[in-house]
């Protein structure tokens, strides 16, 4: 990655507007400031009205349209100009990450200069994900997308870190049977070259994939429990920006005032009082 994490690039395919706050919070926690949101033409105006150019958060947000569902790896072709031969990170718009060690894990992945890094997570239903197969030495052997007979219960999460070769690698991929450029094929290309690193998320971290109605409900209940119990917001972007020293206290006060009749505004007011 570049010498400082703050200049890393990020592509963000988005499927549900409210969920975008969670993956954005992950990127900002990692110190990433240049972000490209990829969405359907129908949703573009909504996202631009939500975030604008990101300057109010101390970041830079760009936008691109994806006109057809051509696979996750297609994001690198759409965002090739944005990436500009730099290392990049891809996070899915419906994925939520949480945990005390998350910041440290993200910075470790960002600091890897060459190759690619993926995050693994133990799941109960590996058939629904890309699954990692290990050899007798517990080294990664292969990643299989939604296998009928999973070789392990370690799934690949929706957060990926790649070096500057990623766009050229995607151009060499062949579409799958469902006529998509598969992220699993991209990851396997790095694995074949022995350039793929795995970081397993431990019990202290949670990964929530909200791709189904059931999973979305589970994620909602998890977030509600954490926030109610601890009194913190999992994805308060202004709080993260302030802690990163990207915005000043006055910017927080303006947002708190803007949302003064909501729980979000009340949360920021409490945060400001505790800081002052």
Protein backbone atom coordinates (compact mmCIF):
# COMPACT_ATOMS: atom_id res chain seq x y z
CA UNK A 1 0.00 0.00 0.00
CA UNK A 2 1.09 3.66 -0.23
CA UNK A 3 3.35 4.99 2.51
CA UNK A 4 0.38 6.34 4.46
CA UNK A 5 -2.93 4.56 4.89
CA UNK A 6 -4.80 7.80 4.31
CA UNK A 7 -4.11 7.72 0.58
CA UNK A 8 -5.35 4.18 0.00
CA UNK A 9 -8.16 3.80 -2.52
CA UNK A 10 -11.50 2.12 -1.85
CA UNK A 11 -14.29 0.75 -4.04
CA UNK A 12 -17.69 0.23 -2.47
CA UNK A 13 -20.50 -1.58 -4.33
CA UNK A 14 -23.72 -0.59 -2.53
CA UNK A 15 -27.05 -2.38 -2.51
CA UNK A 16 -29.01 -0.81 0.36
CA UNK A 17 -28.63 2.89 1.20
CA UNK A 18 -28.90 2.80 5.04
CA UNK A 19 -26.31 0.02 5.24
CA UNK A 20 -23.64 2.12 3.57
CA UNK A 21 -22.77 3.76 6.90
CA UNK A 22 -21.36 0.50 8.25
CA UNK A 23 -18.82 -0.31 5.51
CA UNK A 24 -17.90 3.38 5.35
CA UNK A 25 -17.16 3.30 9.08
CA UNK A 26 -14.84 0.33 8.53
CA UNK A 27 -12.87 2.16 5.86
CA UNK A 28 -12.60 5.33 7.90
CA UNK A 29 -11.48 3.35 10.94
CA UNK A 30 -8.70 1.96 8.75
CA UNK A 31 -7.68 5.52 7.89
CA UNK A 32 -8.86 5.35 4.28
CA UNK A 33 -9.87 8.76 2.92
CA UNK A 34 -10.34 8.24 -0.83
CA UNK A 35 -13.52 6.29 -1.52
CA UNK A 36 -15.37 5.33 -4.68
CA UNK A 37 -19.01 4.30 -4.26
CA UNK A 38 -20.28 2.05 -7.06
CA UNK A 39 -24.04 1.74 -7.37
CA UNK A 40 -26.88 1.40 -9.87
CA UNK A 41 -27.86 4.47 -11.93
CA UNK A 42 -31.18 4.52 -10.05
CA UNK A 43 -29.47 4.93 -6.65
CA UNK A 44 -26.77 7.41 -7.62
CA UNK A 45 -28.68 10.59 -6.74
CA UNK A 46 -29.66 9.19 -3.32
CA UNK A 47 -26.06 8.44 -2.37
CA UNK A 48 -24.81 11.78 -3.63
CA UNK A 49 -27.44 13.57 -1.57
CA UNK A 50 -26.35 11.59 1.50
CA UNK A 51 -22.61 12.14 1.29
CA UNK A 52 -21.82 14.70 -1.41
CA UNK A 53 -18.08 14.79 -1.97
CA UNK A 54 -17.38 13.65 1.61
CA UNK A 55 -15.60 16.87 2.58
CA UNK A 56 -17.82 17.30 5.66
CA UNK A 57 -16.27 14.05 6.93
CA UNK A 58 -12.73 14.97 5.98
CA UNK A 59 -12.67 12.41 3.15
CA UNK A 60 -13.10 12.39 -0.62
CA UNK A 61 -15.97 10.40 -2.13
CA UNK A 62 -16.38 9.72 -5.84
CA UNK A 63 -19.17 7.82 -7.61
CA UNK A 64 -19.51 5.41 -10.53
CA UNK A 65 -22.47 3.57 -12.00
CA UNK A 66 -22.71 -0.18 -12.51
CA UNK A 67 -25.26 -0.74 -15.27
CA UNK A 68 -25.49 -4.53 -14.97
CA UNK A 69 -24.61 -7.12 -12.30
CA UNK A 70 -21.39 -8.41 -13.86
CA UNK A 71 -19.76 -9.68 -10.66
CA UNK A 72 -17.87 -8.19 -7.74
CA UNK A 73 -14.53 -8.20 -9.56
CA UNK A 74 -16.11 -5.96 -12.21
CA UNK A 75 -15.80 -3.14 -9.65
CA UNK A 76 -12.09 -2.93 -10.51
CA UNK A 77 -12.82 -2.38 -14.18
CA UNK A 78 -15.39 0.29 -13.34
CA UNK A 79 -12.98 1.92 -10.91
CA UNK A 80 -9.75 1.47 -12.87
CA UNK A 81 -9.27 5.18 -13.48
CA UNK A 82 -9.95 5.92 -9.81
CA UNK A 83 -7.46 3.26 -8.68
CA UNK A 84 -4.79 4.66 -11.00
CA UNK A 85 -2.31 1.78 -10.50
CA UNK A 86 -2.45 2.10 -6.71
CA UNK A 87 -3.18 -0.56 -4.07
CA UNK A 88 -6.89 -0.73 -3.29
CA UNK A 89 -9.45 -2.14 -0.91
CA UNK A 90 -12.87 -3.52 -1.79
CA UNK A 91 -15.69 -3.78 0.76
CA UNK A 92 -19.23 -4.93 0.03
CA UNK A 93 -22.03 -2.52 0.80
CA UNK A 94 -24.04 -5.09 2.77
CA UNK A 95 -21.25 -6.24 5.11
CA UNK A 96 -20.82 -5.19 8.75
CA UNK A 97 -17.64 -5.69 10.80
CA UNK A 98 -17.29 -5.10 14.52
CA UNK A 99 -14.73 -5.86 17.22
CA UNK A 100 -12.06 -4.45 19.53
CA UNK A 101 -9.20 -5.71 17.36
CA UNK A 102 -10.72 -4.53 14.08
CA UNK A 103 -8.69 -1.33 13.79
CA UNK A 104 -5.43 -3.21 14.30
CA UNK A 105 -6.45 -5.88 11.76
CA UNK A 106 -7.34 -3.26 9.15
CA UNK A 107 -4.05 -1.44 9.55
CA UNK A 108 -2.13 -4.72 9.27
CA UNK A 109 -3.89 -5.46 5.98
CA UNK A 110 -3.32 -1.92 4.69
CA UNK A 111 0.38 -2.09 5.50
CA UNK A 112 0.94 -5.17 3.33
CA UNK A 113 2.69 -3.71 0.28
CA UNK A 114 2.53 -6.66 -2.14
CA UNK A 115 -0.08 -9.24 -3.06
CA UNK A 116 -3.55 -9.48 -1.58
CA UNK A 117 -5.07 -9.95 1.87
CA UNK A 118 -8.43 -11.52 2.69
CA UNK A 119 -10.23 -11.95 6.00
CA UNK A 120 -11.53 -15.35 7.04
CA UNK A 121 -14.39 -16.02 9.44
CA UNK A 122 -15.81 -19.24 10.88
CA UNK A 123 -19.43 -19.75 9.83
CA UNK A 124 -22.12 -22.32 10.46
CA UNK A 125 -23.36 -22.37 6.85
CA UNK A 126 -20.25 -22.34 4.62
CA UNK A 127 -22.25 -23.44 1.56
CA UNK A 128 -23.44 -19.83 1.23
CA UNK A 129 -19.96 -18.32 0.89
CA UNK A 130 -16.56 -18.58 -0.71
CA UNK A 131 -14.86 -21.28 1.38
CA UNK A 132 -11.14 -21.77 1.99
CA UNK A 133 -9.66 -25.24 1.56
CA UNK A 134 -6.49 -25.93 3.55
CA UNK A 135 -3.71 -28.49 3.06
CA UNK A 136 -2.25 -30.74 5.76
CA UNK A 137 -0.08 -27.83 6.96
CA UNK A 138 -3.12 -25.54 7.26
CA UNK A 139 -1.91 -23.46 4.34
CA UNK A 140 -4.51 -22.13 1.91
CA UNK A 141 -4.93 -24.53 -1.00
CA UNK A 142 -7.98 -23.21 -2.86
CA UNK A 143 -11.07 -21.02 -2.49
CA UNK A 144 -14.35 -22.42 -3.77
CA UNK A 145 -17.48 -20.33 -4.27
CA UNK A 146 -20.57 -21.78 -2.54
CA UNK A 147 -19.40 -25.42 -2.56
CA UNK A 148 -21.83 -28.31 -2.20
CA UNK A 149 -19.35 -30.08 0.08
CA UNK A 150 -17.34 -27.38 1.91
CA UNK A 151 -13.75 -28.30 2.68
CA UNK A 152 -13.84 -26.14 5.83
CA UNK A 153 -16.11 -23.76 7.69
CA UNK A 154 -13.83 -20.74 7.09
CA UNK A 155 -15.58 -18.28 4.78
CA UNK A 156 -14.03 -15.33 2.97
CA UNK A 157 -15.60 -12.08 4.18
CA UNK A 158 -16.60 -9.15 1.99
CA UNK A 159 -13.47 -7.10 2.67
CA UNK A 160 -10.44 -7.46 0.40
CA UNK A 161 -7.07 -5.70 0.03
CA UNK A 162 -5.16 -5.78 -3.27
CA UNK A 163 -1.90 -4.50 -4.71
CA UNK A 164 -1.57 -2.44 -7.87
CA UNK A 165 -1.82 -5.50 -10.16
CA UNK A 166 -5.50 -6.07 -9.39
CA UNK A 167 -6.97 -4.38 -12.49
CA UNK A 168 -4.71 -6.29 -14.88
CA UNK A 169 -5.59 -9.53 -13.10
CA UNK A 170 -9.32 -8.86 -13.46
CA UNK A 171 -8.85 -8.24 -17.19
CA UNK A 172 -7.43 -11.75 -17.48
CA UNK A 173 -10.35 -13.40 -15.68
CA UNK A 174 -12.89 -15.42 -17.64
CA UNK A 175 -16.59 -14.95 -16.81
CA UNK A 176 -18.08 -17.73 -14.72
CA UNK A 177 -21.04 -19.93 -15.66
CA UNK A 178 -23.34 -17.18 -14.44
CA UNK A 179 -21.46 -14.78 -16.75
CA UNK A 180 -19.85 -12.80 -13.94
CA UNK A 181 -16.31 -11.84 -13.03
CA UNK A 182 -15.95 -13.67 -9.72
CA UNK A 183 -14.06 -12.26 -6.75
CA UNK A 184 -13.17 -15.86 -5.84
CA UNK A 185 -11.35 -16.30 -9.16
CA UNK A 186 -9.44 -13.08 -8.51
CA UNK A 187 -8.40 -14.28 -5.05
CA UNK A 188 -7.35 -17.65 -6.45
CA UNK A 189 -5.12 -15.90 -8.98
CA UNK A 190 -3.18 -14.37 -6.08
CA UNK A 191 -3.18 -17.71 -4.26
CA UNK A 192 -1.67 -19.50 -7.28
CA UNK A 193 1.10 -16.91 -7.28
CA UNK A 194 1.59 -17.42 -3.53
CA UNK A 195 0.69 -13.77 -2.99
CA UNK A 196 -2.47 -14.20 -0.91
CA UNK A 197 -2.44 -13.62 2.84
CA UNK A 198 -5.23 -14.75 5.17
CA UNK A 199 -6.15 -12.99 8.42
CA UNK A 200 -8.63 -15.00 10.45
CA UNK A 201 -11.06 -12.95 12.49
CA UNK A 202 -11.12 -14.30 16.02
CA UNK A 203 -13.99 -14.63 18.48
CA UNK A 204 -13.58 -11.01 19.54
CA UNK A 205 -14.68 -9.82 16.09
CA UNK A 206 -18.03 -10.15 14.35
CA UNK A 207 -18.76 -10.28 10.63
CA UNK A 208 -22.36 -9.88 9.52
CA UNK A 209 -23.46 -10.43 5.93
CA UNK A 210 -26.90 -8.85 5.43
CA UNK A 211 -27.56 -10.32 2.00
CA UNK A 212 -30.83 -12.01 3.04
CA UNK A 213 -33.84 -10.79 5.01
CA UNK A 214 -33.01 -13.21 7.82
CA UNK A 215 -29.41 -12.02 8.00
CA UNK A 216 -30.53 -8.40 7.94
CA UNK A 217 -32.80 -9.03 10.93
CA UNK A 218 -29.98 -10.77 12.80
CA UNK A 219 -27.64 -7.85 12.11
CA UNK A 220 -30.25 -5.34 13.28
CA UNK A 221 -30.73 -7.22 16.54
CA UNK A 222 -26.96 -7.50 17.08
CA UNK A 223 -26.39 -3.78 16.53
CA UNK A 224 -29.36 -2.84 18.71
CA UNK A 225 -28.04 -5.00 21.55
CA UNK A 226 -24.50 -3.59 21.39
CA UNK A 227 -25.59 0.03 21.13
CA UNK A 228 -28.22 -0.24 23.86
CA UNK A 229 -25.91 -2.12 26.21
CA UNK A 230 -22.78 0.00 25.72
CA UNK A 231 -24.30 3.33 24.75
CA UNK A 232 -22.09 3.67 21.67
CA UNK A 233 -22.81 3.95 17.96
CA UNK A 234 -21.16 1.32 15.80
CA UNK A 235 -21.10 3.51 12.68
CA UNK A 236 -21.06 7.19 13.68
CA UNK A 237 -19.03 8.61 10.79
CA UNK A 238 -18.60 12.07 12.33
CA UNK A 239 -17.23 10.54 15.55
CA UNK A 240 -14.71 8.47 13.59
CA UNK A 241 -13.65 11.51 11.54
CA UNK A 242 -13.14 13.55 14.69
CA UNK A 243 -11.13 10.81 16.38
CA UNK A 244 -8.99 10.59 13.22
CA UNK A 245 -8.45 14.38 13.44
CA UNK A 246 -10.06 14.88 10.03
CA UNK A 247 -12.68 17.35 11.30
CA UNK A 248 -12.85 19.84 14.18
CA UNK A 249 -15.22 19.97 17.15
CA UNK A 250 -17.33 22.67 15.47
CA UNK A 251 -18.23 20.26 12.68
CA UNK A 252 -19.52 17.80 15.29
CA UNK A 253 -21.59 20.54 16.91
CA UNK A 254 -23.17 21.45 13.57
CA UNK A 255 -24.23 17.86 12.92
CA UNK A 256 -25.57 17.48 16.46
CA UNK A 257 -27.60 20.64 15.96
CA UNK A 258 -28.88 19.46 12.59
CA UNK A 259 -30.16 16.19 14.10
CA UNK A 260 -31.02 17.54 17.53
CA UNK A 261 -34.44 15.85 17.63
CA UNK A 262 -33.06 12.37 16.92
CA UNK A 263 -31.12 9.72 18.83
CA UNK A 264 -28.18 10.35 16.47
CA UNK A 265 -28.07 14.02 17.39
CA UNK A 266 -28.42 13.20 21.08
CA UNK A 267 -25.53 10.74 20.82
CA UNK A 268 -23.27 13.38 19.27
CA UNK A 269 -24.26 15.89 21.96
CA UNK A 270 -23.22 13.43 24.67
CA UNK A 271 -19.98 12.71 22.85
CA UNK A 272 -19.19 16.44 22.61
CA UNK A 273 -19.92 17.00 26.30
CA UNK A 274 -17.64 14.12 27.30
CA UNK A 275 -14.87 15.47 25.08
CA UNK A 276 -15.15 19.09 26.24
